[in-house]
Amino acid sequence: MTAGEKILEIEDLRVHFPVRGGIFRRAVGACKAIDGVTLCLRKGQTLGLVGESGCGKSTLAKSVVKLLEPTSGTIRFGNKEGIAGESETNFRKSVQMVFQDPAESLNSRMTVGTIIGEPLDIHQVGDPKERRNRVIQLLKQVGLPENAIKRYPFEFSGGQRQRIGIARALALNPELLVLDEPVSALDVSVQSQVLNLLMDLQAELGLTYLLIAHDLAVVKHVSDMIAVMYLGKVVEMGPTQEIYENPAHAYTKALISAVPVPDPTRKRDRILIPGDVPSPINPPKGCAFGSRMNSPKYEQSIGRELEVKQLCEGHWVLDCPCCVGS
């Protein structure tokens, strides 16, 4: 796969979970965690997916790595759609995930060497000696000493444990890494170390990242493209610099206004968002964000099918009367 070629395509993806009730626990509704997401990611790029907790970011990540089965829509890796049999094995080699909390995603009863080497054992890569050498190589790549191979995860700090998780994800030489809030559980000083490591590995190995985060400062630091999610939908997407300099959707503007400015002499007008993200089980009849912000144009959005509008090359926004152009 050549640089710049499409590596991941998501088209009209929907993930709905049944809501059950009554004596017989029958489905009485649906929780629309993902509701019509379309994305494209090219080889070598980093796409940052941002939004508040409860917007569907982690559900989308788990759908991409096949930990959740979509209700409808398509996910294509390269030019392949769906996985079965031998192709599933190849998919697992090509797409890996780094989870949010390394303390939860690493088995505390297994040594670091066993954890990192497990994918090699499952896929029967090389002989035992070659697998051990590969584990040592991976430890060095993520900045950990060789003697870590015999130690256990609880003997390491949070940042070191996340490095172990990254090493495990790299074991099979994947093309795409899905990073689900990889630094949110770490101290600020450690966050920068892990982010710089990810950027160095991307440059060295030609990796592609789908980065899930709610910290726009982190996303700006590492991403080529940004997609903003709200209540299961992508409301705006474009190049990082374009999104920061010319945000079009009211929700994007509110998120960017919350990013701290390093210059103490410069002030930024903060846009406060009241309340919480609406329930995906019983969403508003019109624009979900317009309803939350009590927009005077909310009534215009009720019953209206919102379309995606292109503002300039690569910059798209969900065209809503409440949130765009006001």
C-alpha atoms as a PDB file:
ATOM      1  CA  MET A   1       0.000   0.000   0.000  1.00  0.00           C
ATOM      2  CA  THR A   2       1.573   3.287  -1.112  1.00  0.00           C
ATOM      3  CA  ALA A   3       1.732   6.542   0.877  1.00  0.00           C
ATOM      4  CA  GLY A   4      -1.427   8.619   0.566  1.00  0.00           C
ATOM      5  CA  GLU A   5      -3.546   5.654  -0.524  1.00  0.00           C
ATOM      6  CA  LYS A   6      -6.822   5.101   1.315  1.00  0.00           C
ATOM      7  CA  ILE A   7      -6.227   2.643   4.142  1.00  0.00           C
ATOM      8  CA  LEU A   8      -9.553   2.918   6.004  1.00  0.00           C
ATOM      9  CA  GLU A   9     -12.988   3.849   4.662  1.00  0.00           C
ATOM     10  CA  ILE A  10     -16.081   4.040   6.836  1.00  0.00           C
ATOM     11  CA  GLU A  11     -19.385   4.635   5.092  1.00  0.00           C
ATOM     12  CA  ASP A  12     -22.720   5.372   6.797  1.00  0.00           C
ATOM     13  CA  LEU A  13     -21.748   3.326   9.860  1.00  0.00           C
ATOM     14  CA  ARG A  14     -24.430   2.717  12.465  1.00  0.00           C
ATOM     15  CA  VAL A  15     -24.068   0.878  15.775  1.00  0.00           C
ATOM     16  CA  HIS A  16     -27.363   0.575  17.642  1.00  0.00           C
ATOM     17  CA  PHE A  17     -27.739  -1.351  20.902  1.00  0.00           C
ATOM     18  CA  PRO A  18     -31.204  -2.721  21.774  1.00  0.00           C
ATOM     19  CA  VAL A  19     -32.910  -1.290  24.856  1.00  0.00           C
ATOM     20  CA  ARG A  20     -34.932  -4.006  26.541  1.00  0.00           C
ATOM     21  CA  GLY A  21     -37.838  -3.732  28.924  1.00  0.00           C
ATOM     22  CA  GLY A  22     -40.940  -5.477  30.216  1.00  0.00           C
ATOM     23  CA  ILE A  23     -41.351  -8.932  31.689  1.00  0.00           C
ATOM     24  CA  PHE A  24     -39.946 -10.723  28.648  1.00  0.00           C
ATOM     25  CA  ARG A  25     -37.062  -8.259  28.164  1.00  0.00           C
ATOM     26  CA  ARG A  26     -38.090  -7.476  24.605  1.00  0.00           C
ATOM     27  CA  ALA A  27     -36.458  -4.702  22.615  1.00  0.00           C
ATOM     28  CA  VAL A  28     -38.435  -1.514  23.231  1.00  0.00           C
ATOM     29  CA  GLY A  29     -36.002   0.935  21.655  1.00  0.00           C
ATOM     30  CA  ALA A  30     -32.422   1.460  20.565  1.00  0.00           C
ATOM     31  CA  CYS A  31     -29.349   3.264  21.861  1.00  0.00           C
ATOM     32  CA  LYS A  32     -27.886   4.916  18.752  1.00  0.00           C
ATOM     33  CA  ALA A  33     -24.214   5.006  19.767  1.00  0.00           C
ATOM     34  CA  ILE A  34     -23.057   5.562  16.158  1.00  0.00           C
ATOM     35  CA  ASP A  35     -25.599   7.031  13.779  1.00  0.00           C
ATOM     36  CA  GLY A  36     -24.380   7.412  10.206  1.00  0.00           C
ATOM     37  CA  VAL A  37     -20.623   8.081  10.367  1.00  0.00           C
ATOM     38  CA  THR A  38     -18.588   8.396   7.159  1.00  0.00           C
ATOM     39  CA  LEU A  39     -14.790   8.759   7.366  1.00  0.00           C
ATOM     40  CA  CYS A  40     -11.708   8.223   5.221  1.00  0.00           C
ATOM     41  CA  LEU A  41      -8.137   7.759   6.447  1.00  0.00           C
ATOM     42  CA  ARG A  42      -5.065   7.668   4.194  1.00  0.00           C
ATOM     43  CA  LYS A  43      -1.835   5.777   4.764  1.00  0.00           C
ATOM     44  CA  GLY A  44       0.669   7.624   6.926  1.00  0.00           C
ATOM     45  CA  GLN A  45      -1.918  10.074   8.269  1.00  0.00           C
ATOM     46  CA  THR A  46      -3.170  10.621  11.797  1.00  0.00           C
ATOM     47  CA  LEU A  47      -6.893  11.271  12.104  1.00  0.00           C
ATOM     48  CA  GLY A  48      -7.890  12.735  15.458  1.00  0.00           C
ATOM     49  CA  LEU A  49     -11.447  11.905  16.544  1.00  0.00           C
ATOM     50  CA  VAL A  50     -12.638  14.314  19.245  1.00  0.00           C
ATOM     51  CA  GLY A  51     -15.738  15.010  21.273  1.00  0.00           C
ATOM     52  CA  GLU A  52     -17.120  14.802  24.798  1.00  0.00           C
ATOM     53  CA  SER A  53     -17.507  11.522  26.655  1.00  0.00           C
ATOM     54  CA  GLY A  54     -20.618   9.744  25.426  1.00  0.00           C
ATOM     55  CA  CYS A  55     -20.357  10.927  21.817  1.00  0.00           C
ATOM     56  CA  GLY A  56     -19.522   7.453  20.439  1.00  0.00           C
ATOM     57  CA  LYS A  57     -15.753   7.738  19.891  1.00  0.00           C
ATOM     58  CA  SER A  58     -14.751   4.505  21.650  1.00  0.00           C
ATOM     59  CA  THR A  59     -17.677   2.627  20.075  1.00  0.00           C
ATOM     60  CA  LEU A  60     -16.385   3.685  16.664  1.00  0.00           C
ATOM     61  CA  ALA A  61     -12.859   2.562  17.582  1.00  0.00           C
ATOM     62  CA  LYS A  62     -14.091  -0.867  18.684  1.00  0.00           C
ATOM     63  CA  SER A  63     -16.118  -1.210  15.492  1.00  0.00           C
ATOM     64  CA  VAL A  64     -13.032  -0.493  13.367  1.00  0.00           C
ATOM     65  CA  VAL A  65     -11.036  -3.274  15.071  1.00  0.00           C
ATOM     66  CA  LYS A  66     -14.029  -5.666  14.906  1.00  0.00           C
ATOM     67  CA  LEU A  67     -14.627  -5.825  18.658  1.00  0.00           C
ATOM     68  CA  LEU A  68     -18.195  -4.664  17.954  1.00  0.00           C
ATOM     69  CA  GLU A  69     -20.456  -5.705  15.108  1.00  0.00           C
ATOM     70  CA  PRO A  70     -22.003  -2.724  13.279  1.00  0.00           C
ATOM     71  CA  THR A  71     -25.763  -2.587  12.831  1.00  0.00           C
ATOM     72  CA  SER A  72     -25.316  -1.331   9.261  1.00  0.00           C
ATOM     73  CA  GLY A  73     -22.831   0.459   7.036  1.00  0.00           C
ATOM     74  CA  THR A  74     -19.437  -0.623   5.756  1.00  0.00           C
ATOM     75  CA  ILE A  75     -15.866  -0.585   7.063  1.00  0.00           C
ATOM     76  CA  ARG A  76     -13.184  -1.201   4.430  1.00  0.00           C
ATOM     77  CA  PHE A  77      -9.537  -1.782   5.223  1.00  0.00           C
ATOM     78  CA  GLY A  78      -7.594  -1.212   2.023  1.00  0.00           C
ATOM     79  CA  ASN A  79      -9.951  -2.550  -0.633  1.00  0.00           C
ATOM     80  CA  LYS A  80     -11.428  -5.295   1.528  1.00  0.00           C
ATOM     81  CA  GLU A  81     -14.846  -5.222   3.140  1.00  0.00           C
ATOM     82  CA  GLY A  82     -15.634  -7.526   6.044  1.00  0.00           C
ATOM     83  CA  ILE A  83     -13.463 -10.353   7.377  1.00  0.00           C
ATOM     84  CA  ALA A  84     -13.863 -14.101   7.458  1.00  0.00           C
ATOM     85  CA  GLY A  85     -11.624 -17.139   7.792  1.00  0.00           C
ATOM     86  CA  GLU A  86      -8.039 -16.546   6.755  1.00  0.00           C
ATOM     87  CA  SER A  87      -8.698 -12.898   5.907  1.00  0.00           C
ATOM     88  CA  GLU A  88      -9.564 -12.282   9.585  1.00  0.00           C
ATOM     89  CA  THR A  89      -6.080 -13.470  10.557  1.00  0.00           C
ATOM     90  CA  ASN A  90      -4.539 -11.049   8.083  1.00  0.00           C
ATOM     91  CA  PHE A  91      -6.789  -8.267   9.375  1.00  0.00           C
ATOM     92  CA  ARG A  92      -5.612  -8.824  12.952  1.00  0.00           C
ATOM     93  CA  LYS A  93      -2.017  -8.544  11.772  1.00  0.00           C
ATOM     94  CA  SER A  94      -2.730  -5.287   9.948  1.00  0.00           C
ATOM     95  CA  VAL A  95      -4.941  -3.473  12.478  1.00  0.00           C
ATOM     96  CA  GLN A  96      -4.168  -3.247  16.189  1.00  0.00           C
ATOM     97  CA  MET A  97      -5.442  -1.199  19.118  1.00  0.00           C
ATOM     98  CA  VAL A  98      -3.853   0.619  22.066  1.00  0.00           C
ATOM     99  CA  PHE A  99      -6.322   0.949  24.936  1.00  0.00           C
ATOM    100  CA  GLN A 100      -6.976   3.849  27.274  1.00  0.00           C
ATOM    101  CA  ASP A 101      -5.936   2.336  30.609  1.00  0.00           C
ATOM    102  CA  PRO A 102      -2.793   0.172  30.442  1.00  0.00           C
ATOM    103  CA  ALA A 103      -3.413  -1.113  33.971  1.00  0.00           C
ATOM    104  CA  GLU A 104      -6.680  -2.681  32.778  1.00  0.00           C
ATOM    105  CA  SER A 105      -5.522  -3.881  29.355  1.00  0.00           C
ATOM    106  CA  LEU A 106      -2.399  -5.746  30.551  1.00  0.00           C
ATOM    107  CA  ASN A 107      -2.683  -9.070  32.397  1.00  0.00           C
ATOM    108  CA  SER A 108      -0.970  -8.558  35.764  1.00  0.00           C
ATOM    109  CA  ARG A 109      -0.250 -12.313  36.043  1.00  0.00           C
ATOM    110  CA  MET A 110       1.794 -12.417  32.853  1.00  0.00           C
ATOM    111  CA  THR A 111       5.348 -11.175  32.411  1.00  0.00           C
ATOM    112  CA  VAL A 112       5.981  -8.345  29.980  1.00  0.00           C
ATOM    113  CA  GLY A 113       7.782 -10.766  27.655  1.00  0.00           C
ATOM    114  CA  THR A 114       4.746 -13.056  27.557  1.00  0.00           C
ATOM    115  CA  ILE A 115       2.342 -10.143  26.990  1.00  0.00           C
ATOM    116  CA  ILE A 116       4.296  -8.696  24.058  1.00  0.00           C
ATOM    117  CA  GLY A 117       5.085 -12.121  22.633  1.00  0.00           C
ATOM    118  CA  GLU A 118       1.516 -13.462  22.815  1.00  0.00           C
ATOM    119  CA  PRO A 119       0.479 -12.125  19.355  1.00  0.00           C
ATOM    120  CA  LEU A 120       3.610 -13.751  17.889  1.00  0.00           C
ATOM    121  CA  ASP A 121       2.679 -17.063  19.513  1.00  0.00           C
ATOM    122  CA  ILE A 122      -0.955 -16.901  18.329  1.00  0.00           C
ATOM    123  CA  HIS A 123       0.077 -16.161  14.729  1.00  0.00           C
ATOM    124  CA  GLN A 124       3.020 -18.608  14.917  1.00  0.00           C
ATOM    125  CA  VAL A 125       5.599 -16.055  13.815  1.00  0.00           C
ATOM    126  CA  GLY A 126       9.076 -17.620  13.748  1.00  0.00           C
ATOM    127  CA  ASP A 127      10.553 -20.029  16.291  1.00  0.00           C
ATOM    128  CA  PRO A 128      10.811 -19.359  20.066  1.00  0.00           C
ATOM    129  CA  LYS A 129      14.279 -17.790  19.757  1.00  0.00           C
ATOM    130  CA  GLU A 130      13.137 -15.445  16.966  1.00  0.00           C
ATOM    131  CA  ARG A 131      10.065 -14.453  18.984  1.00  0.00           C
ATOM    132  CA  ARG A 132      12.198 -13.617  22.016  1.00  0.00           C
ATOM    133  CA  ASN A 133      14.520 -11.506  19.880  1.00  0.00           C
ATOM    134  CA  ARG A 134      11.501  -9.728  18.414  1.00  0.00           C
ATOM    135  CA  VAL A 135      10.196  -8.957  21.920  1.00  0.00           C
ATOM    136  CA  ILE A 136      13.579  -7.498  22.924  1.00  0.00           C
ATOM    137  CA  GLN A 137      13.612  -5.411  19.745  1.00  0.00           C
ATOM    138  CA  LEU A 138      10.118  -4.076  20.517  1.00  0.00           C
ATOM    139  CA  LEU A 139      11.118  -3.169  24.077  1.00  0.00           C
ATOM    140  CA  LYS A 140      14.034  -1.144  22.734  1.00  0.00           C
ATOM    141  CA  GLN A 141      11.777   0.558  20.166  1.00  0.00           C
ATOM    142  CA  VAL A 142       9.479   1.856  22.904  1.00  0.00           C
ATOM    143  CA  GLY A 143      12.331   2.882  25.209  1.00  0.00           C
ATOM    144  CA  LEU A 144      12.260   0.068  27.772  1.00  0.00           C
ATOM    145  CA  PRO A 145      15.267  -1.990  28.968  1.00  0.00           C
ATOM    146  CA  GLU A 146      15.817  -5.606  27.938  1.00  0.00           C
ATOM    147  CA  ASN A 147      15.429  -6.847  31.529  1.00  0.00           C
ATOM    148  CA  ALA A 148      11.784  -5.708  31.452  1.00  0.00           C
ATOM    149  CA  ILE A 149      11.042  -8.963  29.655  1.00  0.00           C
ATOM    150  CA  LYS A 150      10.975 -10.906  32.961  1.00  0.00           C
ATOM    151  CA  ARG A 151       9.085  -8.338  35.012  1.00  0.00           C
ATOM    152  CA  TYR A 152       5.341  -7.844  35.571  1.00  0.00           C
ATOM    153  CA  PRO A 153       3.153  -4.859  34.594  1.00  0.00           C
ATOM    154  CA  PHE A 154       2.550  -3.746  38.200  1.00  0.00           C
ATOM    155  CA  GLU A 155       6.297  -3.105  38.555  1.00  0.00           C
ATOM    156  CA  PHE A 156       6.109  -0.249  36.043  1.00  0.00           C
ATOM    157  CA  SER A 157       4.743   3.302  36.068  1.00  0.00           C
ATOM    158  CA  GLY A 158       1.652   4.277  34.064  1.00  0.00           C
ATOM    159  CA  GLY A 159       3.704   5.686  31.198  1.00  0.00           C
ATOM    160  CA  GLN A 160       5.894   2.582  31.056  1.00  0.00           C
ATOM    161  CA  ARG A 161       2.824   0.331  31.037  1.00  0.00           C
ATOM    162  CA  GLN A 162       1.434   2.271  28.093  1.00  0.00           C
ATOM    163  CA  ARG A 163       4.762   1.721  26.304  1.00  0.00           C
ATOM    164  CA  ILE A 164       4.285  -2.008  26.904  1.00  0.00           C
ATOM    165  CA  GLY A 165       0.801  -1.764  25.362  1.00  0.00           C
ATOM    166  CA  ILE A 166       2.260   0.018  22.336  1.00  0.00           C
ATOM    167  CA  ALA A 167       4.980  -2.640  21.977  1.00  0.00           C
ATOM    168  CA  ARG A 168       2.325  -5.378  22.041  1.00  0.00           C
ATOM    169  CA  ALA A 169       0.334  -3.566  19.359  1.00  0.00           C
ATOM    170  CA  LEU A 170       3.439  -3.304  17.154  1.00  0.00           C
ATOM    171  CA  ALA A 171       4.418  -6.979  17.473  1.00  0.00           C
ATOM    172  CA  LEU A 172       2.819  -8.066  14.178  1.00  0.00           C
ATOM    173  CA  ASN A 173       3.958  -5.022  12.145  1.00  0.00           C
ATOM    174  CA  PRO A 174       0.468  -3.506  11.694  1.00  0.00           C
ATOM    175  CA  GLU A 175      -0.360  -0.801   9.169  1.00  0.00           C
ATOM    176  CA  LEU A 176      -3.076   0.889  11.242  1.00  0.00           C
ATOM    177  CA  LEU A 177      -3.128   1.579  14.983  1.00  0.00           C
ATOM    178  CA  VAL A 178      -6.355   2.601  16.692  1.00  0.00           C
ATOM    179  CA  LEU A 179      -5.374   4.658  19.742  1.00  0.00           C
ATOM    180  CA  ASP A 180      -8.269   4.930  22.196  1.00  0.00           C
ATOM    181  CA  GLU A 181      -7.380   7.845  24.502  1.00  0.00           C
ATOM    182  CA  PRO A 182      -3.799   6.506  24.885  1.00  0.00           C
ATOM    183  CA  VAL A 183      -2.591   9.293  27.206  1.00  0.00           C
ATOM    184  CA  SER A 184      -5.719  10.382  29.097  1.00  0.00           C
ATOM    185  CA  ALA A 185      -4.847   8.188  32.118  1.00  0.00           C
ATOM    186  CA  LEU A 186      -1.283   9.593  32.352  1.00  0.00           C
ATOM    187  CA  ASP A 187       0.289  12.633  33.996  1.00  0.00           C
ATOM    188  CA  VAL A 188       0.827  15.643  31.732  1.00  0.00           C
ATOM    189  CA  SER A 189       4.621  15.264  31.699  1.00  0.00           C
ATOM    190  CA  VAL A 190       4.311  11.585  30.775  1.00  0.00           C
ATOM    191  CA  GLN A 191       1.681  12.352  28.118  1.00  0.00           C
ATOM    192  CA  SER A 192       4.190  14.313  26.036  1.00  0.00           C
ATOM    193  CA  GLN A 193       6.722  11.472  26.234  1.00  0.00           C
ATOM    194  CA  VAL A 194       4.207   8.894  24.992  1.00  0.00           C
ATOM    195  CA  LEU A 195       2.917  11.209  22.241  1.00  0.00           C
ATOM    196  CA  ASN A 196       6.456  11.917  21.025  1.00  0.00           C
ATOM    197  CA  LEU A 197       7.148   8.169  21.038  1.00  0.00           C
ATOM    198  CA  LEU A 198       4.050   7.559  18.883  1.00  0.00           C
ATOM    199  CA  MET A 199       5.136  10.257  16.431  1.00  0.00           C
ATOM    200  CA  ASP A 200       8.674   8.824  16.218  1.00  0.00           C
ATOM    201  CA  LEU A 201       7.300   5.320  15.604  1.00  0.00           C
ATOM    202  CA  GLN A 202       4.982   6.652  12.900  1.00  0.00           C
ATOM    203  CA  ALA A 203       7.893   8.305  11.098  1.00  0.00           C
ATOM    204  CA  GLU A 204      10.094   5.217  11.482  1.00  0.00           C
ATOM    205  CA  LEU A 205       7.555   2.526  10.584  1.00  0.00           C
ATOM    206  CA  GLY A 206       5.143   4.395   8.290  1.00  0.00           C
ATOM    207  CA  LEU A 207       2.179   3.788  10.581  1.00  0.00           C
ATOM    208  CA  THR A 208      -1.337   5.202  10.223  1.00  0.00           C
ATOM    209  CA  TYR A 209      -3.181   6.324  13.377  1.00  0.00           C
ATOM    210  CA  LEU A 210      -6.829   6.720  14.286  1.00  0.00           C
ATOM    211  CA  LEU A 211      -6.486   8.735  17.506  1.00  0.00           C
ATOM    212  CA  ILE A 212      -9.471   8.940  19.856  1.00  0.00           C
ATOM    213  CA  ALA A 213      -9.276  11.837  22.330  1.00  0.00           C
ATOM    214  CA  HIS A 214     -11.246  14.564  24.047  1.00  0.00           C
ATOM    215  CA  ASP A 215      -8.239  16.860  24.552  1.00  0.00           C
ATOM    216  CA  LEU A 216      -7.975  19.080  21.479  1.00  0.00           C
ATOM    217  CA  ALA A 217      -4.508  20.281  22.496  1.00  0.00           C
ATOM    218  CA  VAL A 218      -3.255  16.685  22.249  1.00  0.00           C
ATOM    219  CA  VAL A 219      -5.011  16.161  18.924  1.00  0.00           C
ATOM    220  CA  LYS A 220      -3.587  19.368  17.449  1.00  0.00           C
ATOM    221  CA  HIS A 221      -0.064  18.234  18.381  1.00  0.00           C
ATOM    222  CA  VAL A 222      -0.163  14.938  16.497  1.00  0.00           C
ATOM    223  CA  SER A 223      -3.014  14.917  13.947  1.00  0.00           C
ATOM    224  CA  ASP A 224      -3.120  15.693  10.230  1.00  0.00           C
ATOM    225  CA  MET A 225      -6.926  15.612  10.140  1.00  0.00           C
ATOM    226  CA  ILE A 226      -9.611  16.168  12.778  1.00  0.00           C
ATOM    227  CA  ALA A 227     -13.140  14.761  12.920  1.00  0.00           C
ATOM    228  CA  VAL A 228     -15.500  16.184  15.558  1.00  0.00           C
ATOM    229  CA  MET A 229     -18.173  13.813  16.891  1.00  0.00           C
ATOM    230  CA  TYR A 230     -21.367  14.707  18.705  1.00  0.00           C
ATOM    231  CA  LEU A 231     -24.031  12.209  19.766  1.00  0.00           C
ATOM    232  CA  GLY A 232     -22.977   9.512  17.303  1.00  0.00           C
ATOM    233  CA  LYS A 233     -22.459  11.787  14.291  1.00  0.00           C
ATOM    234  CA  VAL A 234     -19.439  13.512  12.750  1.00  0.00           C
ATOM    235  CA  VAL A 235     -20.429  17.199  12.694  1.00  0.00           C
ATOM    236  CA  GLU A 236     -17.202  18.560  11.185  1.00  0.00           C
ATOM    237  CA  MET A 237     -14.048  17.190   9.571  1.00  0.00           C
ATOM    238  CA  GLY A 238     -11.012  18.744   7.942  1.00  0.00           C
ATOM    239  CA  PRO A 239      -7.255  19.389   8.091  1.00  0.00           C
ATOM    240  CA  THR A 240      -6.073  20.199  11.610  1.00  0.00           C
ATOM    241  CA  GLN A 241      -4.922  23.747  10.893  1.00  0.00           C
ATOM    242  CA  GLU A 242      -8.091  24.551   8.957  1.00  0.00           C
ATOM    243  CA  ILE A 243     -10.334  23.274  11.770  1.00  0.00           C
ATOM    244  CA  TYR A 244      -8.475  25.329  14.372  1.00  0.00           C
ATOM    245  CA  GLU A 245      -8.345  28.524  12.345  1.00  0.00           C
ATOM    246  CA  ASN A 246     -11.784  28.349  10.695  1.00  0.00           C
ATOM    247  CA  PRO A 247     -14.157  26.161  12.739  1.00  0.00           C
ATOM    248  CA  ALA A 248     -17.631  26.187  11.190  1.00  0.00           C
ATOM    249  CA  HIS A 249     -19.829  24.189  13.568  1.00  0.00           C
ATOM    250  CA  ALA A 250     -20.895  25.716  16.881  1.00  0.00           C
ATOM    251  CA  TYR A 251     -19.814  22.575  18.769  1.00  0.00           C
ATOM    252  CA  THR A 252     -16.321  22.711  17.254  1.00  0.00           C
ATOM    253  CA  LYS A 253     -16.044  26.381  18.194  1.00  0.00           C
ATOM    254  CA  ALA A 254     -17.042  25.581  21.782  1.00  0.00           C
ATOM    255  CA  LEU A 255     -14.459  22.783  22.073  1.00  0.00           C
ATOM    256  CA  ILE A 256     -11.664  24.943  20.668  1.00  0.00           C
ATOM    257  CA  SER A 257     -12.567  27.799  23.017  1.00  0.00           C
ATOM    258  CA  ALA A 258     -11.812  25.456  25.944  1.00  0.00           C
ATOM    259  CA  VAL A 259      -8.212  24.797  24.829  1.00  0.00           C
ATOM    260  CA  PRO A 260      -5.793  26.713  27.117  1.00  0.00           C
ATOM    261  CA  VAL A 261      -3.799  29.489  25.430  1.00  0.00           C
ATOM    262  CA  PRO A 262      -0.067  29.386  26.337  1.00  0.00           C
ATOM    263  CA  ASP A 263       0.270  33.156  25.977  1.00  0.00           C
ATOM    264  CA  PRO A 264      -0.924  34.823  29.263  1.00  0.00           C
ATOM    265  CA  THR A 265      -1.449  38.168  27.510  1.00  0.00           C
ATOM    266  CA  ARG A 266      -3.878  36.681  25.010  1.00  0.00           C
ATOM    267  CA  LYS A 267      -7.455  36.014  26.030  1.00  0.00           C
ATOM    268  CA  ARG A 268      -9.904  33.686  24.352  1.00  0.00           C
ATOM    269  CA  ASP A 269     -13.655  34.058  24.723  1.00  0.00           C
ATOM    270  CA  ARG A 270     -14.908  30.863  26.309  1.00  0.00           C
ATOM    271  CA  ILE A 271     -18.106  29.332  24.928  1.00  0.00           C
ATOM    272  CA  LEU A 272     -19.795  27.490  27.785  1.00  0.00           C
ATOM    273  CA  ILE A 273     -21.805  24.367  26.955  1.00  0.00           C
ATOM    274  CA  PRO A 274     -24.637  23.775  29.458  1.00  0.00           C
ATOM    275  CA  GLY A 275     -25.675  20.360  30.697  1.00  0.00           C
ATOM    276  CA  ASP A 276     -24.610  17.003  29.296  1.00  0.00           C
ATOM    277  CA  VAL A 277     -24.698  15.227  25.949  1.00  0.00           C
ATOM    278  CA  PRO A 278     -28.343  14.163  25.292  1.00  0.00           C
ATOM    279  CA  SER A 279     -29.241  10.513  25.685  1.00  0.00           C
ATOM    280  CA  PRO A 280     -28.684   8.446  22.513  1.00  0.00           C
ATOM    281  CA  ILE A 281     -31.733   6.404  23.585  1.00  0.00           C
ATOM    282  CA  ASN A 282     -34.077   9.393  23.431  1.00  0.00           C
ATOM    283  CA  PRO A 283     -32.348  12.103  21.353  1.00  0.00           C
ATOM    284  CA  PRO A 284     -33.956  15.487  20.572  1.00  0.00           C
ATOM    285  CA  LYS A 285     -36.292  15.652  17.567  1.00  0.00           C
ATOM    286  CA  GLY A 286     -34.123  18.304  15.925  1.00  0.00           C
ATOM    287  CA  CYS A 287     -30.460  19.275  16.140  1.00  0.00           C
ATOM    288  CA  ALA A 288     -28.984  17.653  19.251  1.00  0.00           C
ATOM    289  CA  PHE A 289     -26.517  20.462  19.930  1.00  0.00           C
ATOM    290  CA  GLY A 290     -28.988  23.234  19.076  1.00  0.00           C
ATOM    291  CA  SER A 291     -31.409  21.765  21.602  1.00  0.00           C
ATOM    292  CA  ARG A 292     -28.725  21.723  24.282  1.00  0.00           C
ATOM    293  CA  MET A 293     -27.702  25.335  23.583  1.00  0.00           C
ATOM    294  CA  ASN A 294     -31.337  26.545  23.366  1.00  0.00           C
ATOM    295  CA  SER A 295     -30.658  27.902  19.890  1.00  0.00           C
ATOM    296  CA  PRO A 296     -33.335  30.302  18.568  1.00  0.00           C
ATOM    297  CA  LYS A 297     -33.170  28.424  15.256  1.00  0.00           C
ATOM    298  CA  TYR A 298     -33.743  25.000  16.821  1.00  0.00           C
ATOM    299  CA  GLU A 299     -37.301  24.735  15.501  1.00  0.00           C
ATOM    300  CA  GLN A 300     -35.953  24.971  11.926  1.00  0.00           C
ATOM    301  CA  SER A 301     -33.975  21.769  12.436  1.00  0.00           C
ATOM    302  CA  ILE A 302     -36.895  19.589  13.553  1.00  0.00           C
ATOM    303  CA  GLY A 303     -37.727  16.967  10.924  1.00  0.00           C
ATOM    304  CA  ARG A 304     -34.957  18.202   8.659  1.00  0.00           C
ATOM    305  CA  GLU A 305     -32.470  15.767   7.116  1.00  0.00           C
ATOM    306  CA  LEU A 306     -29.095  17.398   7.737  1.00  0.00           C
ATOM    307  CA  GLU A 307     -26.657  17.176   4.841  1.00  0.00           C
ATOM    308  CA  VAL A 308     -22.878  17.427   4.776  1.00  0.00           C
ATOM    309  CA  LYS A 309     -21.568  20.596   3.121  1.00  0.00           C
ATOM    310  CA  GLN A 310     -18.054  21.132   1.788  1.00  0.00           C
ATOM    311  CA  LEU A 311     -16.609  24.503   2.804  1.00  0.00           C
ATOM    312  CA  CYS A 312     -13.237  24.119   1.069  1.00  0.00           C
ATOM    313  CA  GLU A 313     -11.016  21.263  -0.039  1.00  0.00           C
ATOM    314  CA  GLY A 314     -11.083  18.595   2.666  1.00  0.00           C
ATOM    315  CA  HIS A 315     -13.213  20.653   5.089  1.00  0.00           C
ATOM    316  CA  TRP A 316     -16.740  19.329   5.639  1.00  0.00           C
ATOM    317  CA  VAL A 317     -19.479  20.305   8.079  1.00  0.00           C
ATOM    318  CA  LEU A 318     -22.945  18.990   8.947  1.00  0.00           C
ATOM    319  CA  ASP A 319     -25.084  21.832   7.607  1.00  0.00           C
ATOM    320  CA  CYS A 320     -27.466  22.681  10.447  1.00  0.00           C
ATOM    321  CA  PRO A 321     -29.419  25.961  10.739  1.00  0.00           C
ATOM    322  CA  CYS A 322     -28.744  26.017  14.505  1.00  0.00           C
ATOM    323  CA  CYS A 323     -25.011  25.507  14.455  1.00  0.00           C
ATOM    324  CA  VAL A 324     -23.556  26.664  11.131  1.00  0.00           C
ATOM    325  CA  GLY A 325     -23.448  30.232   9.865  1.00  0.00           C
ATOM    326  CA  SER A 326     -24.828  31.793  13.014  1.00  0.00           C
END
